[in-house]
Amino acid sequence: MEEMKKARDTHNQKKQENEHKRKELSDKILEAQKSGCDLVELKKTLKELEDEAEDLKKKEEELDKKEKLTPWNVDTISHSGFSKTVLNTKPMPKQEELTDEEKEARMEQFIKDYEKEIKEFGMLRRYDDSKRYLQEHPYLVCEETANYFVIWCIKLQMEGKSNLMDHVAHQCICMQFIFVLAKQFDIDPRACVSSFFSRIQVADLEYKQSFDDELIAFKDRIRRRAEEKLEIARKEQEELEKMRQERLGPGGLDPVEVFETLPDELKKCFETRDIPLLKETIAKMDKEEARYHMQRCVASGLWIPDGKKKENDGEGEGEGEEQEQEQDDAQEEVEATEEEQT
């Protein structure tokens, strides 16, 4: 505030000097006109003073705007019409140097400990209630809460809950403006809660407009990010479906899905490609259950019953024949087992 006062005093002094010089020069021009003297130099000087006056006017407008946007503290709001507000002068906590893994771990722990309180604050609608809640839960005034709100807003928008997203976004920007105050004063953000809510509730139009503009911009960013994530999800789903269609066996079943439904003992057989174990396992199973699973294995292409897989590559012919023989042996064992159980 002292710096602002000095700038205002310096500006006023320059303004007065300019007005005084222009008045004196105007008088000289009038006298010169009466006496018939050359007016070129006098008018040139007057033009320079008028240009300077225009610059001073713009500078004054900038000072006025800067004063209106200056955060309120004990110096700026302790005057008639406002109760005295004293900021806690506790310095800004030093930022810890954390790795990405450490930051992620801290965020997870914070959510685990305080997610209920974060959501309660996010659902509040009145400034007085929000102020009181943060004063009662000062540990929420931190970057982790703001980050949670961003993630929450994106999730709500992706779920089509735009109205709820708008509200949570408002609470997020409140938190961000508290951080701005803290940075300007270089003090702990928790010491700025009261000052922010006092200011936003009785704010001049410019300050309120800056808040609303940031809120609108934030919600636009959330909508764009949500749409980007939805588009990524759509493309991933399309790719997964394409891969699934390519995997489908002759009977239209997905071998991956069929494998997941197999009993553990059958899974082990296919994982190890152990034909003797498969024969043994089938022999121990209920006939209907064995037939059900083997039919699905055939329909999905997980099992080729006739072993007639053709190899065009001569180099792999021997291995192909061996696999065909193994499959034929296993299929014969399945059929033999079914006959025995019948």
Protein backbone atom coordinates (compact mmCIF):
# COMPACT_ATOMS: atom_id res chain seq x y z
CA MET A 1 0.00 0.00 0.00
CA GLU A 2 2.92 2.38 0.69
CA GLU A 3 4.21 1.81 -2.83
CA MET A 4 0.77 2.53 -4.26
CA LYS A 5 0.55 5.78 -2.28
CA LYS A 6 3.95 6.95 -3.55
CA ALA A 7 2.94 6.23 -7.14
CA ARG A 8 -0.27 8.22 -6.68
CA ASP A 9 1.56 11.19 -5.11
CA THR A 10 4.15 11.26 -7.91
CA HIS A 11 1.44 11.13 -10.54
CA ASN A 12 -0.54 13.98 -8.94
CA GLN A 13 2.58 16.14 -8.81
CA LYS A 14 3.30 15.58 -12.51
CA LYS A 15 -0.33 16.31 -13.34
CA GLN A 16 -0.27 19.62 -11.45
CA GLU A 17 2.99 20.66 -13.12
CA ASN A 18 1.59 19.88 -16.55
CA GLU A 19 -1.60 21.86 -15.89
CA HIS A 20 0.45 24.83 -14.64
CA LYS A 21 2.71 24.82 -17.71
CA ARG A 22 -0.23 24.56 -20.12
CA LYS A 23 -1.96 27.50 -18.43
CA GLU A 24 1.18 29.64 -18.61
CA LEU A 25 1.76 28.72 -22.25
CA SER A 26 -1.86 29.46 -23.18
CA ASP A 27 -1.45 32.94 -21.68
CA LYS A 28 1.76 33.49 -23.69
CA ILE A 29 0.03 32.44 -26.90
CA LEU A 30 -2.76 34.96 -26.30
CA GLU A 31 -0.21 37.74 -25.73
CA ALA A 32 1.74 36.70 -28.83
CA GLN A 33 -1.42 36.78 -30.93
CA LYS A 34 -2.11 40.34 -29.78
CA SER A 35 1.44 41.49 -30.55
CA GLY A 36 1.69 39.62 -33.85
CA CYS A 37 4.68 37.45 -32.78
CA ASP A 38 5.56 34.05 -34.28
CA LEU A 39 3.35 31.34 -32.74
CA VAL A 40 4.97 28.24 -34.31
CA GLU A 41 7.29 27.33 -31.43
CA LEU A 42 4.71 28.17 -28.79
CA LYS A 43 2.06 25.98 -30.42
CA LYS A 44 4.58 23.16 -30.83
CA THR A 45 5.37 23.28 -27.12
CA LEU A 46 1.66 23.39 -26.26
CA LYS A 47 1.06 20.30 -28.40
CA GLU A 48 3.79 18.44 -26.49
CA LEU A 49 2.21 19.42 -23.16
CA GLU A 50 -1.22 18.31 -24.35
CA ASP A 51 0.23 14.93 -25.41
CA GLU A 52 1.84 14.64 -21.99
CA ALA A 53 -1.51 15.44 -20.37
CA GLU A 54 -3.15 12.65 -22.38
CA ASP A 55 -0.48 10.19 -21.24
CA LEU A 56 -0.99 11.28 -17.64
CA LYS A 57 -4.72 10.71 -18.00
CA LYS A 58 -4.14 7.13 -19.18
CA LYS A 59 -1.69 6.59 -16.34
CA GLU A 60 -4.29 7.81 -13.86
CA GLU A 61 -6.84 5.34 -15.22
CA GLU A 62 -4.30 2.54 -14.80
CA LEU A 63 -3.64 3.58 -11.20
CA ASP A 64 -7.38 3.67 -10.49
CA LYS A 65 -7.81 0.17 -11.89
CA LYS A 66 -4.81 -1.15 -9.98
CA GLU A 67 -6.12 0.26 -6.71
CA LYS A 68 -9.51 -1.37 -7.26
CA LEU A 69 -7.92 -4.75 -7.85
CA THR A 70 -5.53 -4.53 -4.92
CA PRO A 71 -6.32 -7.29 -2.36
CA TRP A 72 -7.91 -6.09 0.85
CA ASN A 73 -6.04 -6.26 4.10
CA VAL A 74 -5.93 -4.25 7.29
CA ASP A 75 -4.61 -1.19 5.42
CA THR A 76 -7.14 -1.22 2.61
CA ILE A 77 -10.40 -2.20 4.30
CA SER A 78 -10.05 -0.56 7.72
CA HIS A 79 -12.02 2.55 6.91
CA SER A 80 -15.55 3.79 7.35
CA GLY A 81 -18.06 1.19 6.28
CA PHE A 82 -15.88 -1.85 6.89
CA SER A 83 -14.92 -3.73 10.00
CA LYS A 84 -11.20 -4.08 10.58
CA THR A 85 -9.75 -7.29 9.17
CA VAL A 86 -6.34 -8.40 10.33
CA LEU A 87 -4.44 -10.94 8.26
CA ASN A 88 -2.46 -13.57 10.07
CA THR A 89 1.13 -12.81 9.10
CA LYS A 90 2.27 -16.42 9.20
CA PRO A 91 4.63 -16.77 6.22
CA MET A 92 3.89 -18.86 3.16
CA PRO A 93 4.88 -22.49 3.83
CA LYS A 94 7.96 -23.52 1.87
CA GLN A 95 7.21 -25.79 -1.07
CA GLU A 96 8.67 -29.24 -0.55
CA GLU A 97 10.70 -30.74 -3.36
CA LEU A 98 8.76 -33.93 -4.09
CA THR A 99 9.03 -36.45 -6.88
CA ASP A 100 5.98 -37.23 -9.01
CA GLU A 101 5.57 -40.51 -7.13
CA GLU A 102 5.69 -38.72 -3.77
CA LYS A 103 3.16 -36.13 -4.93
CA GLU A 104 0.83 -38.87 -6.13
CA ALA A 105 1.19 -40.75 -2.84
CA ARG A 106 0.48 -37.59 -0.85
CA MET A 107 -2.60 -36.84 -2.98
CA GLU A 108 -3.93 -40.38 -2.50
CA GLN A 109 -3.44 -40.19 1.25
CA PHE A 110 -5.10 -36.76 1.44
CA ILE A 111 -8.14 -38.01 -0.46
CA LYS A 112 -8.30 -41.10 1.71
CA ASP A 113 -8.26 -38.97 4.87
CA TYR A 114 -10.47 -36.03 3.83
CA GLU A 115 -12.59 -36.92 0.78
CA LYS A 116 -15.81 -36.63 2.79
CA GLU A 117 -14.93 -33.09 3.95
CA ILE A 118 -13.75 -32.02 0.48
CA LYS A 119 -17.06 -33.09 -1.06
CA GLU A 120 -19.04 -31.38 1.68
CA PHE A 121 -17.25 -28.10 0.98
CA GLY A 122 -17.73 -28.63 -2.76
CA MET A 123 -21.50 -28.83 -2.29
CA LEU A 124 -21.89 -25.63 -0.25
CA ARG A 125 -23.68 -22.77 -1.99
CA ARG A 126 -23.48 -19.71 0.26
CA TYR A 127 -20.28 -17.71 0.77
CA ASP A 128 -20.88 -17.50 4.52
CA ASP A 129 -21.21 -21.27 4.76
CA SER A 130 -18.07 -21.82 2.68
CA LYS A 131 -16.09 -19.36 4.78
CA ARG A 132 -17.21 -20.97 8.03
CA TYR A 133 -16.47 -24.47 6.75
CA LEU A 134 -12.91 -23.60 5.71
CA GLN A 135 -12.28 -21.85 9.01
CA GLU A 136 -13.44 -24.99 10.82
CA HIS A 137 -11.45 -27.26 8.46
CA PRO A 138 -8.33 -25.20 7.62
CA TYR A 139 -6.42 -28.26 6.37
CA LEU A 140 -8.64 -28.18 3.26
CA VAL A 141 -7.03 -24.91 2.13
CA CYS A 142 -4.34 -26.56 0.02
CA GLU A 143 -3.44 -27.55 -3.53
CA GLU A 144 -4.68 -31.10 -3.00
CA THR A 145 -8.25 -29.86 -2.51
CA ALA A 146 -8.08 -27.72 -5.66
CA ASN A 147 -6.64 -30.65 -7.63
CA TYR A 148 -9.42 -32.91 -6.37
CA PHE A 149 -12.01 -30.36 -7.53
CA VAL A 150 -10.48 -30.28 -11.02
CA ILE A 151 -10.61 -34.07 -11.31
CA TRP A 152 -14.13 -34.12 -9.86
CA CYS A 153 -15.34 -31.48 -12.32
CA ILE A 154 -13.99 -33.43 -15.30
CA LYS A 155 -15.64 -36.61 -14.06
CA LEU A 156 -18.99 -34.87 -13.51
CA GLN A 157 -18.89 -33.35 -17.00
CA MET A 158 -18.06 -36.73 -18.54
CA GLU A 159 -21.08 -38.19 -16.72
CA GLY A 160 -23.30 -35.46 -18.16
CA LYS A 161 -23.85 -33.76 -14.78
CA SER A 162 -23.15 -30.25 -16.08
CA ASN A 163 -25.14 -28.35 -13.45
CA LEU A 164 -23.30 -30.04 -10.60
CA MET A 165 -20.00 -29.46 -12.40
CA ASP A 166 -20.79 -25.74 -12.62
CA HIS A 167 -21.28 -25.58 -8.87
CA VAL A 168 -18.13 -27.51 -7.93
CA ALA A 169 -16.18 -25.35 -10.40
CA HIS A 170 -17.31 -22.26 -8.47
CA GLN A 171 -15.91 -23.69 -5.25
CA CYS A 172 -12.67 -24.56 -7.04
CA ILE A 173 -12.21 -20.97 -8.23
CA CYS A 174 -12.88 -19.71 -4.70
CA MET A 175 -9.97 -21.86 -3.57
CA GLN A 176 -7.79 -20.59 -6.41
CA PHE A 177 -8.50 -16.95 -5.54
CA ILE A 178 -7.51 -17.65 -1.94
CA PHE A 179 -4.19 -18.94 -3.28
CA VAL A 180 -3.78 -15.75 -5.33
CA LEU A 181 -4.21 -13.62 -2.21
CA ALA A 182 -1.70 -15.77 -0.34
CA LYS A 183 0.84 -15.42 -3.14
CA GLN A 184 0.42 -11.64 -3.29
CA PHE A 185 1.02 -11.28 0.44
CA ASP A 186 3.48 -14.19 0.65
CA ILE A 187 1.59 -15.67 3.60
CA ASP A 188 -0.11 -18.95 4.45
CA PRO A 189 -3.30 -19.42 2.33
CA ARG A 190 -5.23 -20.34 5.47
CA ALA A 191 -4.70 -16.78 6.67
CA CYS A 192 -6.49 -15.43 3.57
CA VAL A 193 -9.82 -17.25 3.90
CA SER A 194 -11.63 -14.49 5.77
CA SER A 195 -10.19 -11.74 3.55
CA PHE A 196 -11.21 -13.46 0.33
CA PHE A 197 -14.81 -14.06 1.35
CA SER A 198 -15.13 -10.54 2.75
CA ARG A 199 -13.89 -9.13 -0.51
CA ILE A 200 -15.96 -11.28 -2.87
CA GLN A 201 -19.17 -10.54 -0.95
CA VAL A 202 -18.78 -6.74 -1.08
CA ALA A 203 -16.56 -6.58 -4.15
CA ASP A 204 -16.55 -3.79 -6.69
CA LEU A 205 -17.67 -4.70 -10.19
CA GLU A 206 -14.16 -5.17 -11.58
CA TYR A 207 -13.09 -7.69 -8.93
CA LYS A 208 -16.34 -9.65 -9.24
CA GLN A 209 -16.00 -9.56 -13.02
CA SER A 210 -12.47 -10.96 -12.82
CA PHE A 211 -13.79 -13.80 -10.64
CA ASP A 212 -16.66 -14.53 -13.04
CA ASP A 213 -14.35 -14.39 -16.07
CA GLU A 214 -11.97 -16.91 -14.51
CA LEU A 215 -14.89 -19.17 -13.57
CA ILE A 216 -16.23 -19.11 -17.14
CA ALA A 217 -12.77 -19.84 -18.57
CA PHE A 218 -12.25 -22.68 -16.09
CA LYS A 219 -15.57 -24.33 -16.97
CA ASP A 220 -14.74 -24.05 -20.67
CA ARG A 221 -11.43 -25.81 -20.05
CA ILE A 222 -13.22 -28.52 -18.07
CA ARG A 223 -15.72 -29.11 -20.89
CA ARG A 224 -12.95 -29.34 -23.48
CA ARG A 225 -10.91 -31.74 -21.34
CA ALA A 226 -13.96 -33.91 -20.63
CA GLU A 227 -14.76 -34.11 -24.33
CA GLU A 228 -11.14 -35.01 -25.10
CA LYS A 229 -11.22 -37.83 -22.54
CA LEU A 230 -14.57 -39.08 -23.85
CA GLU A 231 -13.20 -39.09 -27.39
CA ILE A 232 -10.13 -41.04 -26.25
CA ALA A 233 -12.38 -43.52 -24.45
CA ARG A 234 -14.56 -43.89 -27.56
CA LYS A 235 -11.53 -44.59 -29.75
CA GLU A 236 -10.14 -47.08 -27.25
CA GLN A 237 -13.49 -48.86 -27.10
CA GLU A 238 -13.67 -48.96 -30.89
CA GLU A 239 -10.15 -50.40 -31.03
CA LEU A 240 -10.99 -53.00 -28.39
CA GLU A 241 -14.14 -53.99 -30.27
CA LYS A 242 -12.15 -54.21 -33.51
CA MET A 243 -9.59 -56.46 -31.82
CA ARG A 244 -12.40 -58.54 -30.34
CA GLN A 245 -14.05 -58.99 -33.74
CA GLU A 246 -10.72 -60.08 -35.20
CA ARG A 247 -10.33 -62.64 -32.40
CA LEU A 248 -13.76 -64.21 -32.82
CA GLY A 249 -13.68 -67.90 -33.56
CA PRO A 250 -15.74 -69.83 -36.13
CA GLY A 251 -18.67 -69.97 -33.74
CA GLY A 252 -18.63 -66.23 -33.06
CA LEU A 253 -17.19 -66.44 -29.54
CA ASP A 254 -14.23 -64.49 -28.21
CA PRO A 255 -11.40 -66.84 -27.12
CA VAL A 256 -10.29 -64.39 -24.42
CA GLU A 257 -13.77 -64.26 -22.91
CA VAL A 258 -14.19 -68.04 -23.18
CA PHE A 259 -10.83 -68.66 -21.52
CA GLU A 260 -11.85 -66.47 -18.57
CA THR A 261 -14.96 -68.63 -18.02
CA LEU A 262 -13.06 -71.92 -17.91
CA PRO A 263 -12.55 -73.73 -14.61
CA ASP A 264 -9.08 -73.17 -13.18
CA GLU A 265 -7.99 -76.73 -13.93
CA LEU A 266 -8.86 -76.29 -17.64
CA LYS A 267 -7.19 -72.88 -17.75
CA LYS A 268 -3.99 -74.50 -16.55
CA CYS A 269 -4.14 -77.01 -19.40
CA PHE A 270 -4.43 -74.32 -22.05
CA GLU A 271 -1.82 -72.09 -20.40
CA THR A 272 0.75 -74.91 -20.30
CA ARG A 273 -0.39 -76.50 -23.59
CA ASP A 274 -0.25 -79.81 -21.72
CA ILE A 275 -2.27 -82.31 -23.76
CA PRO A 276 -1.92 -85.24 -21.32
CA LEU A 277 -3.06 -82.99 -18.49
CA LEU A 278 -6.03 -81.89 -20.60
CA LYS A 279 -7.01 -85.53 -21.17
CA GLU A 280 -6.72 -86.26 -17.47
CA THR A 281 -8.70 -83.16 -16.49
CA ILE A 282 -11.54 -83.87 -18.92
CA ALA A 283 -11.77 -87.45 -17.67
CA LYS A 284 -12.34 -86.20 -14.13
CA MET A 285 -14.99 -83.62 -15.08
CA ASP A 286 -18.74 -84.03 -15.28
CA LYS A 287 -19.70 -85.09 -18.82
CA GLU A 288 -22.10 -82.20 -19.47
CA GLU A 289 -19.72 -79.64 -18.03
CA ALA A 290 -16.82 -80.97 -20.11
CA ARG A 291 -18.94 -80.93 -23.29
CA TYR A 292 -20.16 -77.37 -22.56
CA HIS A 293 -16.67 -75.95 -22.11
CA MET A 294 -15.10 -77.83 -25.01
CA GLN A 295 -17.89 -76.76 -27.38
CA ARG A 296 -17.25 -73.14 -26.40
CA CYS A 297 -13.52 -73.63 -26.89
CA VAL A 298 -14.21 -74.88 -30.41
CA ALA A 299 -16.66 -72.05 -31.18
CA SER A 300 -14.11 -69.47 -30.07
CA GLY A 301 -11.18 -71.03 -31.91
CA LEU A 302 -9.41 -71.69 -28.64
CA TRP A 303 -9.47 -75.36 -29.61
CA ILE A 304 -9.28 -76.80 -33.15
CA PRO A 305 -10.93 -80.23 -32.98
CA ASP A 306 -9.90 -81.67 -36.37
CA GLY A 307 -6.33 -80.41 -36.24
CA LYS A 308 -6.45 -79.42 -39.92
CA LYS A 309 -4.60 -76.15 -39.58
CA LYS A 310 -2.70 -75.64 -42.80
CA GLU A 311 0.80 -74.22 -42.82
CA ASN A 312 1.89 -72.47 -46.02
CA ASP A 313 5.35 -71.81 -44.60
CA GLY A 314 7.44 -74.92 -45.17
CA GLU A 315 9.78 -74.04 -42.34
CA GLY A 316 7.01 -74.35 -39.75
CA GLU A 317 5.47 -77.48 -41.26
CA GLY A 318 6.97 -79.92 -38.78
CA GLU A 319 5.81 -77.95 -35.76
CA GLY A 320 2.35 -77.53 -37.30
CA GLU A 321 2.00 -81.26 -37.82
CA GLU A 322 3.05 -81.91 -34.23
CA GLN A 323 0.43 -79.47 -32.90
CA GLU A 324 -2.21 -81.02 -35.16
CA GLN A 325 -1.41 -84.46 -33.83
CA GLU A 326 -1.61 -83.25 -30.22
CA GLN A 327 -4.98 -81.64 -30.90
CA ASP A 328 -6.27 -84.78 -32.60
CA ASP A 329 -5.14 -86.89 -29.65
CA ALA A 330 -6.86 -84.59 -27.17
CA GLN A 331 -10.06 -84.49 -29.19
CA GLU A 332 -10.13 -88.26 -29.39
CA GLU A 333 -9.64 -88.40 -25.63
CA VAL A 334 -12.59 -86.03 -25.11
CA GLU A 335 -14.81 -88.16 -27.31
CA ALA A 336 -13.62 -91.37 -25.66
CA THR A 337 -14.26 -89.94 -22.21
CA GLU A 338 -17.77 -88.94 -23.19
CA GLU A 339 -18.47 -92.44 -24.49
CA GLU A 340 -17.19 -94.02 -21.27
CA GLN A 341 -19.34 -91.72 -19.12
CA THR A 342 -22.35 -92.59 -21.27
